[in-house]
Amino acid sequence: MKSLTSYQQDLIKVLIDSKALAFGSFTLKSGRVSPYFFNMGRAVSRGDYLSIVSACYSEKILDTIGEDFTFIFGPAYKGIPLACSIAQDLSSRGIVRRWGYDRKEVKDYGDSRDKVLVGEIMDGDKVIMIDDVVTTGGTKVEAWDKISGLANNISSMGVFVAVDREEKDREGNYPRDILGKDGLELHSIITATQMFENLLNKEIEGKVLVDDEIYQSFKEYMEKY
C-alpha cells in the first residue's frame, strides 16, 4: 500500500473526529447497502474542522494543477462552504482567487448578473469545481452545464472532491469516465480504497474502526458496485 500524504492523513483524522465517516452497514439513497457512510456536513459544522478540510483541498489543488486556475466554483449546497473556506485558505497562502456558487432556483429579481451564479465569473476563466464526494458524477455534469454558458471561453481545470467512492452507476460507468466525456477531470483527496486500506486493523483511541470483517464487506461491495 502506497503511503498517504500528510494532508490525506489529516483528512481521514478530521472525518473520523467529526463523525463524518462511519463504518458498519448503511442503506444509501440509491438502495445500496454500504459498509461505510460519509457525510461531509459533519466535517464543515465546526470552524476548526472546516479549516483543516479546506487546507487539505488547497494542498490537493496545488499538488495537482498548481496555481493555474482563476475561479473556484462550489455547487449548492455542500460546495458552498467548501469553496468559500478554500478561497480563504488559499488567500492566506498568497493565492487570491474569485469564488462563487450556483442558485438552486434562478432568481428573477434584482441584479441580473447573479440570477444563476452568486459570484463573478469572467470570460476566459479557468474554473475548478469543489464538492464533497463523487458517486456517479451526474450532478457535477449538471452543475457544469449550468455555469459553462455564463461567460465566453471558460474552461474546467478539474473537479475536486474529498472522497471518491469509486462506484459504478447502473450502466457500469465510473464517475471519472462520466465526467471525462464532458471534459471534466476528477481529482479526489482520497479514495474509498485508500481509506479502508489505511484504517485496516489500525487502533484509533482504543478502537479498531475497520477490522477484517468490515474490510471484507468493503471488498465485496466494490466487486458488486
C-alpha atoms as a PDB file:
ATOM      1  CA  MET A   1       0.000   0.000   0.000  1.00  0.00           C
ATOM      2  CA  LYS A   2       1.362   3.392  -1.019  1.00  0.00           C
ATOM      3  CA  SER A   3       1.837   5.679   1.959  1.00  0.00           C
ATOM      4  CA  LEU A   4      -0.588   8.574   2.262  1.00  0.00           C
ATOM      5  CA  THR A   5       0.388  12.233   2.128  1.00  0.00           C
ATOM      6  CA  SER A   6       0.156  14.253   5.306  1.00  0.00           C
ATOM      7  CA  TYR A   7      -2.968  16.029   4.081  1.00  0.00           C
ATOM      8  CA  GLN A   8      -4.659  12.730   3.223  1.00  0.00           C
ATOM      9  CA  GLN A   9      -3.950  11.580   6.771  1.00  0.00           C
ATOM     10  CA  ASP A  10      -5.243  14.908   8.118  1.00  0.00           C
ATOM     11  CA  LEU A  11      -8.474  14.468   6.143  1.00  0.00           C
ATOM     12  CA  ILE A  12      -9.085  10.950   7.450  1.00  0.00           C
ATOM     13  CA  LYS A  13      -8.482  12.119  11.011  1.00  0.00           C
ATOM     14  CA  VAL A  14     -10.892  15.049  10.829  1.00  0.00           C
ATOM     15  CA  LEU A  15     -13.551  12.902   9.136  1.00  0.00           C
ATOM     16  CA  ILE A  16     -13.303  10.414  11.988  1.00  0.00           C
ATOM     17  CA  ASP A  17     -13.107  13.059  14.738  1.00  0.00           C
ATOM     18  CA  SER A  18     -16.166  14.862  13.359  1.00  0.00           C
ATOM     19  CA  LYS A  19     -18.022  11.560  12.840  1.00  0.00           C
ATOM     20  CA  ALA A  20     -18.391  12.459   9.164  1.00  0.00           C
ATOM     21  CA  LEU A  21     -17.095   8.980   8.398  1.00  0.00           C
ATOM     22  CA  ALA A  22     -18.680   5.899   9.949  1.00  0.00           C
ATOM     23  CA  PHE A  23     -18.302   2.174   9.349  1.00  0.00           C
ATOM     24  CA  GLY A  24     -20.878  -0.585   9.612  1.00  0.00           C
ATOM     25  CA  SER A  25     -23.949  -1.205   7.437  1.00  0.00           C
ATOM     26  CA  PHE A  26     -25.822   1.708   5.869  1.00  0.00           C
ATOM     27  CA  THR A  27     -28.621   1.802   3.314  1.00  0.00           C
ATOM     28  CA  LEU A  28     -27.893   4.614   0.866  1.00  0.00           C
ATOM     29  CA  LYS A  29     -30.356   6.732  -1.092  1.00  0.00           C
ATOM     30  CA  SER A  30     -29.642   4.512  -4.091  1.00  0.00           C
ATOM     31  CA  GLY A  31     -30.774   1.472  -2.123  1.00  0.00           C
ATOM     32  CA  ARG A  32     -27.268   0.030  -1.965  1.00  0.00           C
ATOM     33  CA  VAL A  33     -26.161  -1.316   1.429  1.00  0.00           C
ATOM     34  CA  SER A  34     -22.750   0.204   2.057  1.00  0.00           C
ATOM     35  CA  PRO A  35     -20.133  -0.783   4.672  1.00  0.00           C
ATOM     36  CA  TYR A  36     -19.463   2.887   5.337  1.00  0.00           C
ATOM     37  CA  PHE A  37     -21.221   6.236   5.342  1.00  0.00           C
ATOM     38  CA  PHE A  38     -19.750   9.633   4.555  1.00  0.00           C
ATOM     39  CA  ASN A  39     -21.430  12.912   5.488  1.00  0.00           C
ATOM     40  CA  MET A  40     -19.255  15.979   4.878  1.00  0.00           C
ATOM     41  CA  GLY A  41     -21.863  18.132   6.616  1.00  0.00           C
ATOM     42  CA  ARG A  42     -20.454  16.982   9.953  1.00  0.00           C
ATOM     43  CA  ALA A  43     -16.927  17.974   8.961  1.00  0.00           C
ATOM     44  CA  VAL A  44     -17.906  21.515   7.992  1.00  0.00           C
ATOM     45  CA  SER A  45     -20.111  22.123  11.029  1.00  0.00           C
ATOM     46  CA  ARG A  46     -17.260  23.498  13.174  1.00  0.00           C
ATOM     47  CA  GLY A  47     -14.707  26.120  12.301  1.00  0.00           C
ATOM     48  CA  ASP A  48     -11.716  24.034  13.337  1.00  0.00           C
ATOM     49  CA  TYR A  49     -12.828  21.048  11.280  1.00  0.00           C
ATOM     50  CA  LEU A  50     -13.617  23.243   8.271  1.00  0.00           C
ATOM     51  CA  SER A  51     -10.204  24.899   8.499  1.00  0.00           C
ATOM     52  CA  ILE A  52      -8.436  21.528   8.323  1.00  0.00           C
ATOM     53  CA  VAL A  53     -10.639  20.257   5.491  1.00  0.00           C
ATOM     54  CA  SER A  54     -10.106  23.392   3.389  1.00  0.00           C
ATOM     55  CA  ALA A  55      -6.336  23.152   3.898  1.00  0.00           C
ATOM     56  CA  CYS A  56      -6.465  19.558   2.620  1.00  0.00           C
ATOM     57  CA  TYR A  57      -8.287  20.701  -0.511  1.00  0.00           C
ATOM     58  CA  SER A  58      -5.788  23.506  -1.051  1.00  0.00           C
ATOM     59  CA  GLU A  59      -2.868  21.091  -0.811  1.00  0.00           C
ATOM     60  CA  LYS A  60      -4.521  18.718  -3.289  1.00  0.00           C
ATOM     61  CA  ILE A  61      -5.261  21.539  -5.738  1.00  0.00           C
ATOM     62  CA  LEU A  62      -1.716  22.896  -5.571  1.00  0.00           C
ATOM     63  CA  ASP A  63      -0.245  19.384  -5.872  1.00  0.00           C
ATOM     64  CA  THR A  64      -2.387  18.681  -8.937  1.00  0.00           C
ATOM     65  CA  ILE A  65      -2.654  21.858 -11.032  1.00  0.00           C
ATOM     66  CA  GLY A  66      -0.645  24.406  -9.090  1.00  0.00           C
ATOM     67  CA  GLU A  67      -1.994  27.940  -9.354  1.00  0.00           C
ATOM     68  CA  ASP A  68      -3.367  27.539 -12.879  1.00  0.00           C
ATOM     69  CA  PHE A  69      -6.983  28.500 -12.128  1.00  0.00           C
ATOM     70  CA  THR A  70      -8.898  31.743 -11.720  1.00  0.00           C
ATOM     71  CA  PHE A  71     -12.303  30.825 -10.286  1.00  0.00           C
ATOM     72  CA  ILE A  72     -13.451  28.432  -7.547  1.00  0.00           C
ATOM     73  CA  PHE A  73     -16.962  27.086  -8.079  1.00  0.00           C
ATOM     74  CA  GLY A  74     -18.886  25.419  -5.263  1.00  0.00           C
ATOM     75  CA  PRO A  75     -22.176  23.825  -6.337  1.00  0.00           C
ATOM     76  CA  ALA A  76     -25.032  24.201  -3.869  1.00  0.00           C
ATOM     77  CA  TYR A  77     -25.186  23.085  -1.186  1.00  0.00           C
ATOM     78  CA  LYS A  78     -22.126  21.273   0.244  1.00  0.00           C
ATOM     79  CA  GLY A  79     -19.839  23.001  -2.236  1.00  0.00           C
ATOM     80  CA  ILE A  80     -20.673  26.470  -0.917  1.00  0.00           C
ATOM     81  CA  PRO A  81     -18.876  26.426   2.470  1.00  0.00           C
ATOM     82  CA  LEU A  82     -16.069  24.379   0.949  1.00  0.00           C
ATOM     83  CA  ALA A  83     -15.408  26.819  -1.910  1.00  0.00           C
ATOM     84  CA  CYS A  84     -15.575  29.784   0.467  1.00  0.00           C
ATOM     85  CA  SER A  85     -13.177  28.304   3.014  1.00  0.00           C
ATOM     86  CA  ILE A  86     -10.778  27.074   0.319  1.00  0.00           C
ATOM     87  CA  ALA A  87     -10.674  30.572  -1.180  1.00  0.00           C
ATOM     88  CA  GLN A  88      -9.817  31.918   2.272  1.00  0.00           C
ATOM     89  CA  ASP A  89      -7.159  29.273   2.874  1.00  0.00           C
ATOM     90  CA  LEU A  90      -5.541  29.915  -0.495  1.00  0.00           C
ATOM     91  CA  SER A  91      -5.623  33.649   0.174  1.00  0.00           C
ATOM     92  CA  SER A  92      -3.670  33.062   3.391  1.00  0.00           C
ATOM     93  CA  ARG A  93      -1.028  31.409   1.182  1.00  0.00           C
ATOM     94  CA  GLY A  94      -0.899  34.459  -1.093  1.00  0.00           C
ATOM     95  CA  ILE A  95      -3.088  32.899  -3.799  1.00  0.00           C
ATOM     96  CA  VAL A  96      -6.104  35.168  -4.236  1.00  0.00           C
ATOM     97  CA  ARG A  97      -8.927  33.830  -6.410  1.00  0.00           C
ATOM     98  CA  ARG A  98     -12.577  34.661  -7.026  1.00  0.00           C
ATOM     99  CA  TRP A  99     -15.179  32.138  -5.954  1.00  0.00           C
ATOM    100  CA  GLY A 100     -18.910  31.624  -6.298  1.00  0.00           C
ATOM    101  CA  TYR A 101     -21.815  29.216  -6.162  1.00  0.00           C
ATOM    102  CA  ASP A 102     -24.934  28.471  -8.149  1.00  0.00           C
ATOM    103  CA  ARG A 103     -28.523  29.060  -7.124  1.00  0.00           C
ATOM    104  CA  LYS A 104     -30.812  26.047  -6.886  1.00  0.00           C
ATOM    105  CA  GLU A 105     -33.581  28.236  -8.283  1.00  0.00           C
ATOM    106  CA  VAL A 106     -32.933  31.067 -10.720  1.00  0.00           C
ATOM    107  CA  LYS A 107     -33.543  34.493  -9.147  1.00  0.00           C
ATOM    108  CA  ASP A 108     -35.991  36.571 -11.191  1.00  0.00           C
ATOM    109  CA  TYR A 109     -35.478  39.928  -9.472  1.00  0.00           C
ATOM    110  CA  GLY A 110     -32.704  42.359  -8.553  1.00  0.00           C
ATOM    111  CA  ASP A 111     -29.262  42.298 -10.149  1.00  0.00           C
ATOM    112  CA  SER A 112     -29.433  40.289 -13.379  1.00  0.00           C
ATOM    113  CA  ARG A 113     -25.785  39.285 -13.033  1.00  0.00           C
ATOM    114  CA  ASP A 114     -26.455  36.840 -10.196  1.00  0.00           C
ATOM    115  CA  LYS A 115     -29.620  35.112 -11.373  1.00  0.00           C
ATOM    116  CA  VAL A 116     -27.839  31.778 -11.735  1.00  0.00           C
ATOM    117  CA  LEU A 117     -24.457  32.274 -10.063  1.00  0.00           C
ATOM    118  CA  VAL A 118     -23.533  34.226  -6.947  1.00  0.00           C
ATOM    119  CA  GLY A 119     -20.044  35.416  -7.756  1.00  0.00           C
ATOM    120  CA  GLU A 120     -18.327  36.999 -10.742  1.00  0.00           C
ATOM    121  CA  ILE A 121     -17.289  34.594 -13.460  1.00  0.00           C
ATOM    122  CA  MET A 122     -15.443  36.213 -16.365  1.00  0.00           C
ATOM    123  CA  ASP A 123     -14.559  35.482 -19.979  1.00  0.00           C
ATOM    124  CA  GLY A 124     -11.612  33.117 -20.207  1.00  0.00           C
ATOM    125  CA  ASP A 125     -11.869  31.912 -16.609  1.00  0.00           C
ATOM    126  CA  LYS A 126     -10.176  28.657 -15.670  1.00  0.00           C
ATOM    127  CA  VAL A 127     -12.596  27.048 -13.234  1.00  0.00           C
ATOM    128  CA  ILE A 128     -12.151  24.418 -10.557  1.00  0.00           C
ATOM    129  CA  MET A 129     -15.277  22.803  -9.150  1.00  0.00           C
ATOM    130  CA  ILE A 130     -15.348  21.865  -5.469  1.00  0.00           C
ATOM    131  CA  ASP A 131     -17.647  19.282  -3.908  1.00  0.00           C
ATOM    132  CA  ASP A 132     -17.648  16.808  -1.053  1.00  0.00           C
ATOM    133  CA  VAL A 133     -17.985  13.406  -2.695  1.00  0.00           C
ATOM    134  CA  VAL A 134     -18.496  11.797  -6.078  1.00  0.00           C
ATOM    135  CA  THR A 135     -20.779   8.801  -6.501  1.00  0.00           C
ATOM    136  CA  THR A 136     -21.975   8.760 -10.117  1.00  0.00           C
ATOM    137  CA  GLY A 137     -20.703  12.145 -11.363  1.00  0.00           C
ATOM    138  CA  GLY A 138     -24.049  13.132 -12.846  1.00  0.00           C
ATOM    139  CA  THR A 139     -24.659  16.082 -10.528  1.00  0.00           C
ATOM    140  CA  LYS A 140     -21.210  17.500 -11.360  1.00  0.00           C
ATOM    141  CA  VAL A 141     -22.007  17.430 -15.075  1.00  0.00           C
ATOM    142  CA  GLU A 142     -25.332  19.185 -14.421  1.00  0.00           C
ATOM    143  CA  ALA A 143     -23.606  21.861 -12.329  1.00  0.00           C
ATOM    144  CA  TRP A 144     -21.020  22.480 -15.058  1.00  0.00           C
ATOM    145  CA  ASP A 145     -23.713  22.736 -17.722  1.00  0.00           C
ATOM    146  CA  LYS A 146     -25.433  25.308 -15.533  1.00  0.00           C
ATOM    147  CA  ILE A 147     -22.476  27.710 -15.398  1.00  0.00           C
ATOM    148  CA  SER A 148     -20.455  26.944 -18.516  1.00  0.00           C
ATOM    149  CA  GLY A 149     -22.501  29.336 -20.643  1.00  0.00           C
ATOM    150  CA  LEU A 150     -22.322  32.282 -18.251  1.00  0.00           C
ATOM    151  CA  ALA A 151     -19.121  33.628 -19.820  1.00  0.00           C
ATOM    152  CA  ASN A 152     -17.121  33.150 -23.004  1.00  0.00           C
ATOM    153  CA  ASN A 153     -14.301  30.633 -23.299  1.00  0.00           C
ATOM    154  CA  ILE A 154     -14.358  29.390 -19.736  1.00  0.00           C
ATOM    155  CA  SER A 155     -12.641  26.071 -19.183  1.00  0.00           C
ATOM    156  CA  SER A 156     -12.640  23.406 -16.491  1.00  0.00           C
ATOM    157  CA  MET A 157      -9.404  22.772 -14.631  1.00  0.00           C
ATOM    158  CA  GLY A 158     -10.900  19.837 -12.764  1.00  0.00           C
ATOM    159  CA  VAL A 159     -13.456  18.666 -10.232  1.00  0.00           C
ATOM    160  CA  PHE A 160     -12.006  18.332  -6.733  1.00  0.00           C
ATOM    161  CA  VAL A 161     -13.735  16.209  -4.102  1.00  0.00           C
ATOM    162  CA  ALA A 162     -12.749  14.938  -0.688  1.00  0.00           C
ATOM    163  CA  VAL A 163     -13.770  11.326  -1.266  1.00  0.00           C
ATOM    164  CA  ASP A 164     -14.189   9.237  -4.415  1.00  0.00           C
ATOM    165  CA  ARG A 165     -16.454   6.293  -3.602  1.00  0.00           C
ATOM    166  CA  GLU A 166     -15.114   4.569  -6.766  1.00  0.00           C
ATOM    167  CA  GLU A 167     -18.518   3.102  -7.565  1.00  0.00           C
ATOM    168  CA  LYS A 168     -20.147   2.311 -10.903  1.00  0.00           C
ATOM    169  CA  ASP A 169     -23.589   3.513 -11.922  1.00  0.00           C
ATOM    170  CA  ARG A 170     -26.364   1.172 -13.064  1.00  0.00           C
ATOM    171  CA  GLU A 171     -24.840   1.018 -16.549  1.00  0.00           C
ATOM    172  CA  GLY A 172     -21.399   0.117 -15.207  1.00  0.00           C
ATOM    173  CA  ASN A 173     -19.811   3.543 -15.775  1.00  0.00           C
ATOM    174  CA  TYR A 174     -17.328   5.027 -13.317  1.00  0.00           C
ATOM    175  CA  PRO A 175     -17.659   8.731 -12.340  1.00  0.00           C
ATOM    176  CA  ARG A 176     -14.234   9.515 -13.783  1.00  0.00           C
ATOM    177  CA  ASP A 177     -15.424   8.305 -17.192  1.00  0.00           C
ATOM    178  CA  ILE A 178     -18.777  10.095 -16.998  1.00  0.00           C
ATOM    179  CA  LEU A 179     -17.080  13.376 -16.101  1.00  0.00           C
ATOM    180  CA  GLY A 180     -14.393  12.850 -18.724  1.00  0.00           C
ATOM    181  CA  LYS A 181     -16.979  12.735 -21.512  1.00  0.00           C
ATOM    182  CA  ASP A 182     -17.789  16.370 -20.680  1.00  0.00           C
ATOM    183  CA  GLY A 183     -14.165  17.416 -20.352  1.00  0.00           C
ATOM    184  CA  LEU A 184     -14.214  17.336 -16.550  1.00  0.00           C
ATOM    185  CA  GLU A 185     -11.254  15.662 -14.862  1.00  0.00           C
ATOM    186  CA  LEU A 186     -11.835  14.165 -11.425  1.00  0.00           C
ATOM    187  CA  HIS A 187      -9.381  14.697  -8.566  1.00  0.00           C
ATOM    188  CA  SER A 188     -10.081  13.261  -5.125  1.00  0.00           C
ATOM    189  CA  ILE A 189      -8.104  13.905  -1.968  1.00  0.00           C
ATOM    190  CA  ILE A 190      -8.645  10.279  -1.074  1.00  0.00           C
ATOM    191  CA  THR A 191     -10.452   7.234  -2.424  1.00  0.00           C
ATOM    192  CA  ALA A 192     -12.599   4.753  -0.550  1.00  0.00           C
ATOM    193  CA  THR A 193      -9.963   2.075  -1.128  1.00  0.00           C
ATOM    194  CA  GLN A 194      -7.218   4.243   0.331  1.00  0.00           C
ATOM    195  CA  MET A 195      -9.316   4.957   3.420  1.00  0.00           C
ATOM    196  CA  PHE A 196     -10.079   1.308   4.093  1.00  0.00           C
ATOM    197  CA  GLU A 197      -6.535   0.117   3.465  1.00  0.00           C
ATOM    198  CA  ASN A 198      -5.112   2.834   5.704  1.00  0.00           C
ATOM    199  CA  LEU A 199      -7.515   2.099   8.564  1.00  0.00           C
ATOM    200  CA  LEU A 200      -7.445  -1.708   8.365  1.00  0.00           C
ATOM    201  CA  ASN A 201      -6.853  -3.070  11.876  1.00  0.00           C
ATOM    202  CA  LYS A 202      -5.500   0.304  12.993  1.00  0.00           C
ATOM    203  CA  GLU A 203      -6.347   1.189  16.562  1.00  0.00           C
ATOM    204  CA  ILE A 204      -7.638   4.743  16.999  1.00  0.00           C
ATOM    205  CA  GLU A 205      -8.280   5.882  20.553  1.00  0.00           C
ATOM    206  CA  GLY A 206      -8.540   2.299  21.696  1.00  0.00           C
ATOM    207  CA  LYS A 207     -10.904   1.174  18.929  1.00  0.00           C
ATOM    208  CA  VAL A 208     -10.432  -0.518  15.570  1.00  0.00           C
ATOM    209  CA  LEU A 209     -12.829   1.056  13.087  1.00  0.00           C
ATOM    210  CA  VAL A 210     -12.029  -1.224  10.145  1.00  0.00           C
ATOM    211  CA  ASP A 211     -11.446  -4.831  11.128  1.00  0.00           C
ATOM    212  CA  ASP A 212     -11.070  -7.818   8.806  1.00  0.00           C
ATOM    213  CA  GLU A 213     -14.834  -8.372   8.653  1.00  0.00           C
ATOM    214  CA  ILE A 214     -15.649  -4.783   7.664  1.00  0.00           C
ATOM    215  CA  TYR A 215     -12.779  -4.756   5.170  1.00  0.00           C
ATOM    216  CA  GLN A 216     -14.092  -7.940   3.581  1.00  0.00           C
ATOM    217  CA  SER A 217     -17.559  -6.366   3.348  1.00  0.00           C
ATOM    218  CA  PHE A 218     -15.971  -3.391   1.585  1.00  0.00           C
ATOM    219  CA  LYS A 219     -14.168  -5.632  -0.921  1.00  0.00           C
ATOM    220  CA  GLU A 220     -17.416  -7.463  -1.705  1.00  0.00           C
ATOM    221  CA  TYR A 221     -19.254  -4.152  -2.050  1.00  0.00           C
ATOM    222  CA  MET A 222     -16.667  -2.831  -4.506  1.00  0.00           C
ATOM    223  CA  GLU A 223     -16.780  -6.030  -6.549  1.00  0.00           C
ATOM    224  CA  LYS A 224     -20.557  -5.679  -6.795  1.00  0.00           C
ATOM    225  CA  TYR A 225     -20.737  -1.919  -7.414  1.00  0.00           C
END
